[in-house]
Protein backbone atom coordinates (compact mmCIF):
# COMPACT_ATOMS: atom_id res chain seq x y z
CA UNK A 1 15.48 -9.96 -0.78
CA UNK A 2 13.55 -10.52 1.98
CA UNK A 3 11.04 -7.50 3.70
CA UNK A 4 9.71 -7.84 6.93
CA UNK A 5 7.23 -6.52 8.73
CA UNK A 6 7.93 -5.16 12.38
CA UNK A 7 6.94 -4.71 15.18
CA UNK A 8 8.70 -1.49 17.29
CA UNK A 9 9.06 -1.93 20.98
CA UNK A 10 12.26 0.83 21.04
CA UNK A 11 13.35 4.44 19.93
CA UNK A 12 14.82 2.87 16.65
CA UNK A 13 11.74 2.27 14.87
CA UNK A 14 12.97 -0.59 12.44
CA UNK A 15 16.37 -2.14 14.38
CA UNK A 16 14.57 -1.80 17.60
CA UNK A 17 11.44 -4.00 16.27
CA UNK A 18 10.16 -7.38 16.47
CA UNK A 19 10.62 -9.33 13.10
CA UNK A 20 6.05 -10.46 12.76
CA UNK A 21 6.96 -11.96 9.35
CA UNK A 22 9.01 -12.33 6.44
CA UNK A 23 8.36 -12.37 3.00
CA UNK A 24 9.59 -12.24 -0.72
CA UNK A 25 8.45 -8.92 -1.92
CA UNK A 26 7.29 -6.08 -0.78
CA UNK A 27 4.26 -7.12 -2.70
CA UNK A 28 3.67 -9.40 -1.18
CA UNK A 29 4.92 -8.41 2.56
CA UNK A 30 2.00 -5.11 2.21
CA UNK A 31 -0.38 -7.53 1.15
CA UNK A 32 -0.22 -8.84 4.62
CA UNK A 33 -0.42 -5.74 6.26
CA UNK A 34 -2.94 -4.65 3.99
CA UNK A 35 -4.84 -8.34 6.03
CA UNK A 36 -3.76 -7.11 8.67
CA UNK A 37 -5.79 -3.59 8.76
CA UNK A 38 -8.39 -5.04 7.16
CA UNK A 39 -9.06 -8.10 10.67
CA UNK A 40 -8.10 -4.82 12.93
CA UNK A 41 -10.84 -2.32 11.64
CA UNK A 42 -13.61 -5.93 11.58
CA UNK A 43 -13.12 -6.13 14.82
CA UNK A 44 -13.63 -2.55 16.30
CA UNK A 45 -9.86 -1.78 16.90
CA UNK A 46 -9.08 1.47 16.66
CA UNK A 47 -6.49 3.43 13.91
CA UNK A 48 -3.67 3.50 16.47
CA UNK A 49 -4.26 -0.46 18.25
CA UNK A 50 -0.83 -1.63 15.97
CA UNK A 51 2.35 -0.09 14.93
CA UNK A 52 3.85 -2.30 12.22
CA UNK A 53 6.68 -0.93 8.88
CA UNK A 54 7.50 -2.29 6.46
CA UNK A 55 11.68 -3.10 6.36
CA UNK A 56 13.92 -4.77 4.06
CA UNK A 57 17.53 -6.51 5.08
CA UNK A 58 19.34 -4.17 6.25
CA UNK A 59 15.89 -2.58 8.68
CA UNK A 60 15.54 0.56 6.28
CA UNK A 61 11.73 1.02 5.46
CA UNK A 62 10.58 0.30 2.71
CA UNK A 63 7.02 2.75 0.77
CA UNK A 64 4.48 1.09 -1.13
CA UNK A 65 5.12 1.34 -5.07
CA UNK A 66 2.21 2.86 -7.30
CA UNK A 67 1.86 1.69 -9.91
CA UNK A 68 0.60 4.43 -13.11
CA UNK A 69 -3.09 2.80 -14.01
CA UNK A 70 -4.12 3.94 -17.41
CA UNK A 71 -8.29 3.93 -18.14
CA UNK A 72 -9.86 3.80 -21.36
CA UNK A 73 -12.71 6.34 -21.56
CA UNK A 74 -15.49 7.26 -24.23
CA UNK A 75 -16.39 10.60 -24.67
CA UNK A 76 -19.17 11.54 -25.79
CA UNK A 77 -18.65 11.43 -29.19
CA UNK A 78 -18.36 7.68 -29.14
CA UNK A 79 -14.65 8.19 -29.47
CA UNK A 80 -12.26 7.00 -26.86
CA UNK A 81 -8.96 8.06 -24.84
CA UNK A 82 -6.47 7.44 -22.74
CA UNK A 83 -6.46 9.10 -19.31
CA UNK A 84 -4.27 8.53 -16.49
CA UNK A 85 -5.93 7.17 -12.90
CA UNK A 86 -7.37 10.99 -11.77
CA UNK A 87 -6.59 13.12 -14.44
CA UNK A 88 -9.31 15.85 -14.74
CA UNK A 89 -12.24 15.38 -16.41
CA UNK A 90 -12.85 16.87 -20.11
CA UNK A 91 -16.18 18.74 -20.42
CA UNK A 92 -18.05 15.72 -21.89
CA UNK A 93 -16.51 12.53 -20.60
CA UNK A 94 -17.12 10.13 -17.92
CA UNK A 95 -15.73 7.56 -16.09
């Protein structure tokens, strides 16, 4: 299923919009969106300068998928423990 980056021009942000690019996966679409955002930021554009959305074939918005990440931490006694990213530290742990 192709995913598009669209720029709205009407009241219905997803259907009344110009297709800027088409991608095979959600990850590819968001990678391109990130590249656009980084360039705008480098060029000094205000945060609300450009409104873009990622949509599917039916022009429904698609949210970015975050995969859960596990990291290995070493506690103060040298033991390794698995902890999900963002989990609170236990006494003596470092990240």
